[in-house]
Protein backbone atom coordinates (compact mmCIF):
# COMPACT_ATOMS: atom_id res chain seq x y z
CA MET A 1 118.39 -90.43 31.75
CA ASP A 2 118.43 -86.71 30.91
CA ILE A 3 115.81 -87.16 28.17
CA ALA A 4 113.59 -89.16 30.54
CA ILE A 5 113.81 -86.42 33.20
CA ALA A 6 113.03 -83.76 30.59
CA ILE A 7 109.92 -85.63 29.41
CA LEU A 8 108.70 -86.30 32.96
CA SER A 9 109.22 -82.63 33.85
CA ILE A 10 107.02 -81.58 30.94
CA TYR A 11 104.33 -84.04 32.00
CA VAL A 12 104.05 -82.28 35.38
CA PHE A 13 101.76 -79.78 33.63
CA ILE A 14 99.47 -82.63 32.60
CA LEU A 15 99.26 -83.61 36.26
CA ILE A 16 98.41 -80.01 37.17
CA GLY A 17 95.53 -80.02 34.68
CA TYR A 18 94.31 -83.37 36.01
CA ILE A 19 94.36 -82.22 39.65
CA ALA A 20 92.76 -78.87 38.79
CA LYS A 21 89.83 -80.55 37.01
CA LYS A 22 89.52 -83.23 39.71
CA THR A 23 89.28 -80.71 42.53
CA LEU A 24 87.55 -77.73 40.91
CA LYS A 25 85.31 -79.76 38.54
CA GLU A 26 82.94 -77.51 36.54
CA GLU A 27 84.73 -74.36 37.62
CA MET A 28 87.51 -75.40 35.23
CA ASN A 29 86.24 -74.86 31.67
CA GLU A 30 88.22 -76.80 29.07
CA LYS A 31 86.44 -75.25 26.08
CA GLY A 32 87.34 -71.71 27.13
CA LEU A 33 91.01 -72.61 27.41
CA ILE A 34 90.90 -74.34 24.02
CA LEU A 35 89.41 -71.29 22.31
CA LEU A 36 91.98 -69.03 23.98
CA SER A 37 94.77 -71.34 22.88
CA ILE A 38 93.74 -71.94 19.26
CA TYR A 39 92.55 -68.46 18.31
CA PHE A 40 95.01 -66.29 20.25
CA LEU A 41 98.04 -68.13 21.66
CA GLN A 42 98.79 -70.77 19.02
CA PRO A 43 99.22 -68.13 16.28
CA MET A 44 101.98 -66.71 18.51
CA LEU A 45 103.47 -70.20 18.91
CA SER A 46 103.51 -70.85 15.17
CA PHE A 47 104.99 -67.42 14.33
CA TRP A 48 107.65 -67.69 17.05
CA GLY A 49 108.50 -71.31 16.21
CA LEU A 50 109.01 -70.53 12.53
CA SER A 51 111.13 -67.48 13.34
CA THR A 52 113.62 -68.95 15.80
CA LYS A 53 115.92 -70.40 13.12
CA SER A 54 116.90 -69.30 9.64
CA LEU A 55 115.39 -71.73 7.15
CA SER A 56 116.95 -72.79 3.87
CA LEU A 57 115.62 -74.38 0.70
CA ASP A 58 118.57 -76.80 0.89
CA LEU A 59 116.99 -78.38 3.96
CA LEU A 60 113.59 -79.03 2.38
CA GLN A 61 114.41 -82.68 1.65
CA THR A 62 113.77 -83.67 5.26
CA PRO A 63 110.29 -82.13 5.70
CA PHE A 64 109.39 -83.22 2.16
CA LEU A 65 110.08 -86.84 3.08
CA TYR A 66 108.12 -86.43 6.31
CA VAL A 67 105.10 -84.89 4.57
CA SER A 68 105.16 -87.41 1.70
CA ILE A 69 105.17 -90.42 4.01
CA SER A 70 102.56 -88.77 6.24
CA LEU A 71 100.25 -88.25 3.26
CA GLY A 72 100.73 -91.90 2.35
CA GLY A 73 99.86 -92.74 5.95
CA VAL A 74 96.64 -90.73 5.69
CA ILE A 75 95.61 -92.72 2.62
CA ILE A 76 96.32 -96.04 4.33
CA SER A 77 94.55 -94.95 7.53
CA ALA A 78 91.56 -93.71 5.54
CA VAL A 79 91.22 -97.12 3.89
CA VAL A 80 91.44 -98.88 7.27
CA ALA A 81 88.89 -96.47 8.75
CA GLN A 82 86.51 -97.02 5.85
CA LEU A 83 86.78 -100.82 6.14
CA PHE A 84 86.47 -101.25 9.90
CA PHE A 85 84.51 -98.25 11.19
CA THR A 86 81.02 -97.02 10.32
CA GLU A 87 80.71 -93.89 12.49
CA GLN A 88 82.10 -90.75 10.82
CA LYS A 89 83.80 -89.36 13.93
CA GLU A 90 85.67 -92.61 14.51
CA ARG A 91 86.73 -92.69 10.86
CA SER A 92 88.06 -89.15 11.14
CA ILE A 93 90.07 -89.96 14.29
CA VAL A 94 91.59 -93.13 12.82
CA THR A 95 92.47 -91.34 9.58
CA ILE A 96 94.23 -88.29 10.97
CA SER A 97 95.34 -88.87 14.57
CA VAL A 98 98.09 -91.31 13.57
CA ILE A 99 100.08 -88.69 11.63
CA ILE A 100 99.69 -85.80 14.09
CA GLY A 101 102.59 -86.77 16.32
CA ASN A 102 104.42 -84.96 19.08
CA THR A 103 107.24 -83.73 16.83
CA GLY A 104 107.98 -80.66 18.94
CA ASN A 105 107.93 -81.31 22.70
CA LEU A 106 109.09 -84.92 22.26
CA GLY A 107 110.55 -85.33 18.76
CA ILE A 108 113.16 -82.57 19.03
CA PRO A 109 114.57 -83.73 22.43
CA LEU A 110 114.72 -87.34 21.20
CA GLY A 111 116.66 -86.23 18.13
CA ILE A 112 119.15 -84.44 20.38
CA ALA A 113 119.46 -87.54 22.56
CA LEU A 114 120.41 -89.65 19.53
CA PHE A 115 122.50 -87.26 17.39
CA GLY A 116 123.17 -84.18 19.52
CA ASP A 117 122.70 -80.58 18.35
CA GLU A 118 123.30 -81.64 14.73
CA SER A 119 119.74 -82.99 14.68
CA ILE A 120 118.01 -79.75 15.68
CA ILE A 121 117.86 -78.18 12.22
CA TYR A 122 116.30 -81.35 10.77
CA THR A 123 113.75 -81.88 13.54
CA SER A 124 112.87 -78.18 13.54
CA MET A 125 112.10 -78.32 9.81
CA ILE A 126 109.94 -81.41 10.35
CA ASN A 127 108.11 -79.58 13.12
CA VAL A 128 107.45 -76.72 10.69
CA ALA A 129 105.93 -79.20 8.24
CA ASN A 130 103.86 -80.70 11.04
CA VAL A 131 102.33 -77.30 11.85
CA PHE A 132 100.86 -77.15 8.35
CA ILE A 133 99.66 -80.76 8.50
CA VAL A 134 97.91 -80.13 11.82
CA TYR A 135 96.10 -76.99 10.72
CA THR A 136 95.12 -78.21 7.27
CA LEU A 137 94.51 -81.97 7.25
CA GLY A 138 94.03 -82.06 11.02
CA VAL A 139 91.38 -79.36 10.99
CA PHE A 140 89.70 -80.90 7.93
CA TYR A 141 89.36 -84.42 9.31
CA TYR A 142 88.35 -83.47 12.84
CA SER A 143 85.77 -81.11 11.33
CA ARG A 144 84.46 -83.92 9.15
CA GLY A 145 83.11 -85.61 12.28
CA ASN A 146 80.23 -83.12 12.21
CA SER A 147 80.59 -81.03 9.06
CA SER A 148 80.42 -81.31 5.30
CA ILE A 149 83.53 -81.27 3.10
CA LYS A 150 82.90 -77.62 2.20
CA GLU A 151 82.45 -76.57 5.83
CA SER A 152 85.58 -78.50 6.84
CA LEU A 153 87.64 -76.72 4.18
CA MET A 154 86.28 -73.37 5.35
CA ASN A 155 87.32 -74.20 8.92
CA ILE A 156 90.94 -74.36 7.75
CA ILE A 157 90.70 -70.84 6.36
CA LYS A 158 88.98 -69.51 9.48
CA LEU A 159 91.77 -70.45 11.88
CA PRO A 160 94.44 -67.73 12.26
CA VAL A 161 97.26 -70.22 12.93
CA ILE A 162 97.82 -71.16 9.30
CA TRP A 163 97.98 -67.50 8.25
CA PHE A 164 100.48 -66.61 10.97
CA ALA A 165 102.60 -69.64 10.05
CA THR A 166 102.61 -68.59 6.39
CA LEU A 167 103.54 -65.02 7.32
CA ALA A 168 106.38 -66.31 9.51
CA LEU A 169 107.77 -68.36 6.60
CA ILE A 170 107.65 -65.29 4.34
CA PHE A 171 109.50 -63.24 6.96
CA ASN A 172 112.05 -66.04 7.42
CA PHE A 173 112.90 -66.61 3.76
CA ALA A 174 112.90 -62.83 3.10
CA HIS A 175 115.28 -62.34 6.07
CA ILE A 176 112.97 -59.77 7.65
CA SER A 177 114.09 -59.30 11.25
CA ILE A 178 111.69 -59.01 14.17
CA HIS A 179 112.29 -56.44 16.90
CA PRO A 180 113.74 -58.18 20.00
CA ALA A 181 110.95 -56.84 22.26
CA ILE A 182 108.26 -58.21 19.92
CA PHE A 183 110.11 -61.52 19.61
CA LYS A 184 110.28 -61.78 23.41
CA ALA A 185 106.51 -61.25 23.67
CA LEU A 186 105.94 -63.94 21.03
CA GLU A 187 108.22 -66.28 22.97
CA MET A 188 106.18 -65.71 26.13
CA GLY A 189 102.97 -66.49 24.24
CA ALA A 190 104.55 -69.60 22.72
CA TYR A 191 105.61 -71.09 26.05
CA CYS A 192 102.26 -70.17 27.54
CA THR A 193 100.57 -72.09 24.72
CA MET A 194 102.65 -75.20 25.36
CA VAL A 195 101.77 -75.16 29.05
CA ILE A 196 98.06 -74.58 28.43
CA GLN A 197 97.94 -77.43 25.89
CA LEU A 198 99.37 -79.83 28.46
CA ILE A 199 96.98 -78.57 31.14
CA ILE A 200 94.01 -79.02 28.79
CA PHE A 201 95.14 -82.58 28.12
CA GLY A 202 95.31 -83.25 31.87
CA MET A 203 91.79 -81.86 32.32
CA TYR A 204 90.37 -84.14 29.64
CA LEU A 205 92.35 -87.05 31.04
CA CYS A 206 90.55 -86.52 34.33
CA ASN A 207 87.23 -87.17 32.54
CA VAL A 208 88.38 -90.43 30.90
CA LYS A 209 86.91 -93.55 32.51
CA LEU A 210 88.66 -96.86 31.92
CA LYS A 211 85.37 -98.68 31.43
CA SER A 212 84.27 -96.28 28.69
CA ILE A 213 87.50 -96.36 26.64
CA ASN A 214 86.89 -97.12 22.98
CA LYS A 215 89.00 -100.29 22.80
CA LYS A 216 88.45 -100.84 19.08
CA LEU A 217 89.65 -97.31 18.29
CA LEU A 218 92.65 -97.76 20.58
CA LEU A 219 93.57 -101.08 18.96
CA TYR A 220 93.47 -99.87 15.36
CA VAL A 221 95.24 -96.56 16.02
CA SER A 222 97.98 -98.36 17.98
CA LEU A 223 98.45 -100.92 15.19
CA LEU A 224 98.68 -98.19 12.59
CA LYS A 225 101.04 -96.08 14.72
CA PHE A 226 103.42 -98.73 16.04
CA ILE A 227 103.24 -101.54 13.49
CA LEU A 228 102.20 -100.40 10.01
CA THR A 229 103.75 -96.91 10.02
CA PRO A 230 107.21 -98.07 11.21
CA ILE A 231 107.30 -100.90 8.65
CA VAL A 232 106.33 -98.69 5.70
CA ALA A 233 108.58 -95.82 6.85
CA ALA A 234 111.57 -98.14 7.40
CA LEU A 235 111.24 -99.66 3.93
CA ILE A 236 111.08 -96.23 2.28
CA LEU A 237 113.77 -94.50 4.32
CA PHE A 238 116.31 -97.25 4.93
CA VAL A 239 115.81 -99.59 1.96
CA TRP A 240 114.43 -97.78 -1.08
CA LEU A 241 115.91 -94.26 -0.77
CA PRO A 242 119.66 -93.49 -0.85
CA ILE A 243 119.66 -90.80 1.86
CA PRO A 244 122.04 -90.08 4.77
CA TYR A 245 121.53 -92.24 7.86
CA ILE A 246 120.88 -89.25 10.15
CA VAL A 247 118.14 -87.88 7.86
CA ALA A 248 116.48 -91.28 7.48
CA THR A 249 116.60 -91.94 11.22
CA LEU A 250 115.24 -88.53 12.24
CA VAL A 251 112.35 -88.66 9.75
CA PHE A 252 111.60 -92.20 10.92
CA LEU A 253 111.71 -91.10 14.55
CA GLU A 254 109.33 -88.16 13.98
CA LEU A 255 106.86 -90.46 12.22
CA ILE A 256 106.63 -92.86 15.17
CA VAL A 257 106.40 -90.43 18.12
CA PRO A 258 103.11 -90.74 20.05
CA LEU A 259 100.04 -88.67 19.27
CA ALA A 260 100.35 -84.94 19.95
CA VAL A 261 98.24 -83.11 22.54
CA THR A 262 97.05 -80.88 19.67
CA ASN A 263 94.73 -83.73 18.71
CA VAL A 264 92.73 -83.02 21.87
CA ASN A 265 92.43 -79.32 21.04
CA LEU A 266 91.09 -79.96 17.54
CA SER A 267 88.81 -82.84 18.51
CA ALA A 268 87.33 -80.75 21.33
CA LEU A 269 86.97 -77.66 19.15
CA TYR A 270 84.99 -79.62 16.55
CA ASP A 271 83.26 -81.99 19.01
CA CYS A 272 84.91 -85.11 17.59
CA ARG A 273 85.07 -87.46 20.60
CA PRO A 274 87.72 -85.55 22.62
CA LEU A 275 87.68 -88.08 25.47
CA ASP A 276 88.44 -90.93 23.07
CA VAL A 277 91.27 -88.88 21.56
CA THR A 278 92.61 -88.10 25.05
CA ALA A 279 92.71 -91.82 25.83
CA LEU A 280 94.56 -92.47 22.55
CA ILE A 281 97.22 -89.88 23.38
CA PHE A 282 97.67 -91.24 26.90
CA PHE A 283 98.04 -94.89 25.89
CA THR A 284 100.21 -94.24 22.82
CA SER A 285 102.51 -92.16 25.04
CA LEU A 286 102.81 -95.09 27.46
CA LEU A 287 103.38 -97.61 24.65
CA PHE A 288 106.00 -95.38 23.05
CA ILE A 289 108.45 -95.66 25.96
CA PRO A 290 109.28 -99.40 25.58
CA PHE A 291 108.71 -99.16 21.82
CA PHE A 292 111.33 -96.41 21.44
CA ILE A 293 113.87 -98.31 23.52
CA ILE A 294 113.50 -101.37 21.28
CA ILE A 295 113.54 -99.36 18.04
CA SER A 296 116.60 -97.29 19.02
CA TYR A 297 118.51 -100.46 19.95
CA VAL A 298 117.58 -102.18 16.66
CA LEU A 299 118.53 -99.15 14.55
CA HIS A 300 121.83 -98.74 16.37
CA TYR A 301 122.68 -102.44 16.01
CA TRP A 302 121.79 -102.58 12.31
CA HIS A 303 123.79 -99.42 11.63
CA SER A 304 126.81 -100.78 13.50
CA ILE A 305 126.89 -103.98 11.42
CA GLY A 306 126.33 -102.13 8.15
CA VAL A 307 122.72 -103.15 7.47
CA LEU A 308 121.66 -99.47 7.40
């Protein structure tokens, strides 16, 4: 119940964005908020997020597993996109959106709900890995909707987020402390970024029309996210690899969380069908609720009888 209330409380900001766009219409400019978020506030979020906890090389197994399976997912999704879609923007969305999940706002609380505070260090490390996936592969594929391979690679370098994230990792591993006043300012920027991202999502959601939803895109992304990814991840984590149950479960959980709102920011920034991506996030978030209940019950039952 607590986790459900926490999630619903976060989604209030989506409702605010929806109402603001519905009532103020063109006076609310999504693109301006996106540019503010990506170029100024998200660097603060990445630096703050990677500085809140002391990281250790001993914990790299968890994000390594997450990244490895995610990269495998990109390859599978790219093949599916190539076989069933002809338009480049749709191919880009199918290829990358599936692995850019909500590992922060949703993944970390879900880990706590299942394993308590013991899970935080693992889910935080996965979220660190996800930052680099988002602003490398995410930027590349969403750029590919309109740009060449060279231009898409350059777009990765142009964004300040990846540089701030790298600097934060250097500071963390070198044990360089940040002045409390500066850290507090970064924290304010980080929370501001989270709120703005949710508001932007609500604004784009206001523009989505049920009749215009790309049903083919929704079908294939949902199948990849909730059928193929869980099967492949479960085989690797629970059958083939001899790893602790908590690590396997948390990596599995972070791989199946619904699409992150960040997908909207990147698709809008590079004009890669942001309304279609908004619809994907909305519907995968709805599908995830019953899906998670079933998955958590199955995992708990199998673990209790010694299958996992």
